[in-house]
Amino acid sequence: QVQLVESGGGLVQAGGSLRLSCATSGRTSTIYVMGWFRRAPGKEREFVAAINWSGTSSYYADSVKGRFTISRDNAKNTVFLQMNSLKPEDTAVYYCALGLRLPMTTIADVRSWGQGTQVTVSS
């Protein structure tokens, strides 16, 4: 069993930046794909970004390409989401996700979830 704990959410003005972190613990010896999903108010949870174990391959939702960057530090068992040029429509609860293979763009691909961290972007 792997546990995921997110941090780094908060309130930011449009155009600003935030960096989310997700620390993993438990059975981290298995090679996992890591990623982020989000759920905006009144909407379903949607894919944001995912990255493979080595960090050499990543996927992004069209809505965040060029603004968000996913990365990982396997020595620290942590995955990051750098979010730049934030927009009010990025406001959502962001969830860290763990899976077995890319692209991990659907909820069905996810094996474990974090508890979520709130990101609010004011206009």
C-alpha atoms as a PDB file:
ATOM      1  CA  GLN A   1       0.000   0.000   0.000  1.00  0.00           C
ATOM      2  CA  VAL A   2       1.282   3.446  -0.946  1.00  0.00           C
ATOM      3  CA  GLN A   3       0.185   6.641   0.764  1.00  0.00           C
ATOM      4  CA  LEU A   4       0.132   9.986  -1.038  1.00  0.00           C
ATOM      5  CA  VAL A   5       0.163  13.355   0.734  1.00  0.00           C
ATOM      6  CA  GLU A   6      -0.183  16.612  -1.190  1.00  0.00           C
ATOM      7  CA  SER A   7       0.951  20.073  -0.131  1.00  0.00           C
ATOM      8  CA  GLY A   8       1.492  23.507  -1.639  1.00  0.00           C
ATOM      9  CA  GLY A   9      -2.040  24.597  -2.463  1.00  0.00           C
ATOM     10  CA  GLY A  10      -3.358  28.041  -1.628  1.00  0.00           C
ATOM     11  CA  LEU A  11      -4.770  31.314  -2.910  1.00  0.00           C
ATOM     12  CA  VAL A  12      -3.021  33.165  -5.733  1.00  0.00           C
ATOM     13  CA  GLN A  13      -3.902  35.952  -8.136  1.00  0.00           C
ATOM     14  CA  ALA A  14      -4.370  35.311 -11.837  1.00  0.00           C
ATOM     15  CA  GLY A  15      -1.003  35.205 -13.577  1.00  0.00           C
ATOM     16  CA  GLY A  16       0.731  33.932 -10.471  1.00  0.00           C
ATOM     17  CA  SER A  17       2.445  30.625  -9.718  1.00  0.00           C
ATOM     18  CA  LEU A  18       2.168  27.767  -7.265  1.00  0.00           C
ATOM     19  CA  ARG A  19       4.127  24.553  -6.787  1.00  0.00           C
ATOM     20  CA  LEU A  20       2.348  21.462  -5.572  1.00  0.00           C
ATOM     21  CA  SER A  21       4.190  18.561  -3.980  1.00  0.00           C
ATOM     22  CA  CYS A  22       3.128  14.972  -3.396  1.00  0.00           C
ATOM     23  CA  ALA A  23       5.116  12.829  -1.011  1.00  0.00           C
ATOM     24  CA  THR A  24       4.745   9.066  -1.211  1.00  0.00           C
ATOM     25  CA  SER A  25       5.320   6.534   1.537  1.00  0.00           C
ATOM     26  CA  GLY A  26       4.763   2.848   1.995  1.00  0.00           C
ATOM     27  CA  ARG A  27       5.581   0.366  -0.757  1.00  0.00           C
ATOM     28  CA  THR A  28       7.612   2.733  -2.875  1.00  0.00           C
ATOM     29  CA  SER A  29       9.947   0.027  -4.201  1.00  0.00           C
ATOM     30  CA  THR A  30       7.581  -0.626  -7.096  1.00  0.00           C
ATOM     31  CA  ILE A  31       8.035   1.503 -10.173  1.00  0.00           C
ATOM     32  CA  TYR A  32       5.031   3.779 -10.435  1.00  0.00           C
ATOM     33  CA  VAL A  33       3.657   6.380 -12.769  1.00  0.00           C
ATOM     34  CA  MET A  34       2.691   9.550 -10.913  1.00  0.00           C
ATOM     35  CA  GLY A  35       0.315  12.295 -11.898  1.00  0.00           C
ATOM     36  CA  TRP A  36      -2.186  14.976 -10.993  1.00  0.00           C
ATOM     37  CA  PHE A  37      -5.913  15.295 -11.478  1.00  0.00           C
ATOM     38  CA  ARG A  38      -8.215  18.127 -10.420  1.00  0.00           C
ATOM     39  CA  ARG A  39     -11.877  18.688  -9.667  1.00  0.00           C
ATOM     40  CA  ALA A  40     -13.367  22.136 -10.111  1.00  0.00           C
ATOM     41  CA  PRO A  41     -16.617  23.103  -8.357  1.00  0.00           C
ATOM     42  CA  GLY A  42     -19.567  21.446 -10.058  1.00  0.00           C
ATOM     43  CA  LYS A  43     -17.366  19.452 -12.422  1.00  0.00           C
ATOM     44  CA  GLU A  44     -15.977  15.949 -12.597  1.00  0.00           C
ATOM     45  CA  ARG A  45     -12.417  15.064 -11.736  1.00  0.00           C
ATOM     46  CA  GLU A  46     -10.152  15.559 -14.768  1.00  0.00           C
ATOM     47  CA  PHE A  47      -6.633  14.675 -15.800  1.00  0.00           C
ATOM     48  CA  VAL A  48      -3.926  17.335 -15.516  1.00  0.00           C
ATOM     49  CA  ALA A  49      -0.494  15.730 -15.960  1.00  0.00           C
ATOM     50  CA  ALA A  50       1.415  12.460 -15.554  1.00  0.00           C
ATOM     51  CA  ILE A  51       5.043  11.374 -15.589  1.00  0.00           C
ATOM     52  CA  ASN A  52       6.823   8.026 -15.862  1.00  0.00           C
ATOM     53  CA  TRP A  53       9.209   6.563 -13.296  1.00  0.00           C
ATOM     54  CA  SER A  54      12.407   7.883 -14.895  1.00  0.00           C
ATOM     55  CA  GLY A  55      10.961  11.313 -15.608  1.00  0.00           C
ATOM     56  CA  THR A  56      11.713  10.975 -19.312  1.00  0.00           C
ATOM     57  CA  SER A  57       8.116  10.924 -20.511  1.00  0.00           C
ATOM     58  CA  SER A  58       5.164  13.109 -19.484  1.00  0.00           C
ATOM     59  CA  TYR A  59       1.629  13.899 -20.580  1.00  0.00           C
ATOM     60  CA  TYR A  60      -0.432  17.055 -20.115  1.00  0.00           C
ATOM     61  CA  ALA A  61      -4.017  18.087 -20.571  1.00  0.00           C
ATOM     62  CA  ASP A  62      -4.392  20.580 -23.420  1.00  0.00           C
ATOM     63  CA  SER A  63      -5.704  23.175 -20.983  1.00  0.00           C
ATOM     64  CA  VAL A  64      -2.410  23.291 -19.040  1.00  0.00           C
ATOM     65  CA  LYS A  65       0.221  22.664 -21.740  1.00  0.00           C
ATOM     66  CA  GLY A  66       2.892  25.320 -21.714  1.00  0.00           C
ATOM     67  CA  ARG A  67       1.879  26.538 -18.243  1.00  0.00           C
ATOM     68  CA  PHE A  68       2.260  23.520 -15.954  1.00  0.00           C
ATOM     69  CA  THR A  69       5.288  21.271 -15.543  1.00  0.00           C
ATOM     70  CA  ILE A  70       5.336  17.907 -13.796  1.00  0.00           C
ATOM     71  CA  SER A  71       8.564  16.513 -12.360  1.00  0.00           C
ATOM     72  CA  ARG A  72       9.680  13.972  -9.781  1.00  0.00           C
ATOM     73  CA  ASP A  73      12.520  13.315  -7.365  1.00  0.00           C
ATOM     74  CA  ASN A  74      12.655   9.572  -6.778  1.00  0.00           C
ATOM     75  CA  ALA A  75      15.354   9.933  -4.118  1.00  0.00           C
ATOM     76  CA  LYS A  76      12.788  11.883  -2.071  1.00  0.00           C
ATOM     77  CA  ASN A  77       9.764   9.893  -3.273  1.00  0.00           C
ATOM     78  CA  THR A  78       8.126  13.140  -4.319  1.00  0.00           C
ATOM     79  CA  VAL A  79       6.371  14.404  -7.429  1.00  0.00           C
ATOM     80  CA  PHE A  80       5.857  18.089  -8.177  1.00  0.00           C
ATOM     81  CA  LEU A  81       3.498  20.205 -10.256  1.00  0.00           C
ATOM     82  CA  GLN A  82       4.814  23.656 -11.097  1.00  0.00           C
ATOM     83  CA  MET A  83       1.887  25.840 -12.139  1.00  0.00           C
ATOM     84  CA  ASN A  84       2.611  29.139 -13.869  1.00  0.00           C
ATOM     85  CA  SER A  85       0.371  31.755 -15.495  1.00  0.00           C
ATOM     86  CA  LEU A  86      -2.521  30.554 -13.394  1.00  0.00           C
ATOM     87  CA  LYS A  87      -6.056  31.382 -14.484  1.00  0.00           C
ATOM     88  CA  PRO A  88      -9.302  31.526 -12.486  1.00  0.00           C
ATOM     89  CA  GLU A  89     -10.440  28.411 -14.348  1.00  0.00           C
ATOM     90  CA  ASP A  90      -7.542  26.515 -12.749  1.00  0.00           C
ATOM     91  CA  THR A  91      -9.352  26.808  -9.417  1.00  0.00           C
ATOM     92  CA  ALA A  92      -9.936  23.264  -8.166  1.00  0.00           C
ATOM     93  CA  VAL A  93      -8.975  20.632  -5.657  1.00  0.00           C
ATOM     94  CA  TYR A  94      -5.817  19.008  -6.999  1.00  0.00           C
ATOM     95  CA  TYR A  95      -5.265  15.302  -6.356  1.00  0.00           C
ATOM     96  CA  CYS A  96      -2.031  13.371  -6.560  1.00  0.00           C
ATOM     97  CA  ALA A  97      -2.433  10.044  -8.362  1.00  0.00           C
ATOM     98  CA  LEU A  98      -0.416   6.855  -8.690  1.00  0.00           C
ATOM     99  CA  GLY A  99      -0.700   4.298 -11.453  1.00  0.00           C
ATOM    100  CA  LEU A 100       1.127   1.525 -13.228  1.00  0.00           C
ATOM    101  CA  ARG A 101       1.581   2.870 -16.730  1.00  0.00           C
ATOM    102  CA  LEU A 102       1.278   5.970 -18.879  1.00  0.00           C
ATOM    103  CA  PRO A 103      -0.592   7.813 -20.086  1.00  0.00           C
ATOM    104  CA  MET A 104      -2.799   7.524 -16.966  1.00  0.00           C
ATOM    105  CA  THR A 105      -5.277  10.090 -18.260  1.00  0.00           C
ATOM    106  CA  THR A 106      -8.454   8.524 -16.872  1.00  0.00           C
ATOM    107  CA  ILE A 107      -9.664   7.783 -13.369  1.00  0.00           C
ATOM    108  CA  ALA A 108      -9.745   4.092 -14.217  1.00  0.00           C
ATOM    109  CA  ASP A 109      -5.956   4.152 -14.700  1.00  0.00           C
ATOM    110  CA  VAL A 110      -5.333   5.354 -11.139  1.00  0.00           C
ATOM    111  CA  ARG A 111      -4.498   2.894  -8.337  1.00  0.00           C
ATOM    112  CA  SER A 112      -4.083   5.305  -5.396  1.00  0.00           C
ATOM    113  CA  TRP A 113      -5.181   8.870  -4.603  1.00  0.00           C
ATOM    114  CA  GLY A 114      -4.036  11.586  -2.272  1.00  0.00           C
ATOM    115  CA  GLN A 115      -6.489  13.516  -0.148  1.00  0.00           C
ATOM    116  CA  GLY A 116      -6.348  16.640  -2.325  1.00  0.00           C
ATOM    117  CA  THR A 117      -5.155  20.206  -1.909  1.00  0.00           C
ATOM    118  CA  GLN A 118      -7.171  23.334  -2.745  1.00  0.00           C
ATOM    119  CA  VAL A 119      -5.906  25.790  -5.354  1.00  0.00           C
ATOM    120  CA  THR A 120      -7.837  29.047  -5.711  1.00  0.00           C
ATOM    121  CA  VAL A 121      -6.982  31.589  -8.405  1.00  0.00           C
ATOM    122  CA  SER A 122      -8.569  35.013  -8.023  1.00  0.00           C
ATOM    123  CA  SER A 123      -9.229  37.299 -10.967  1.00  0.00           C
END
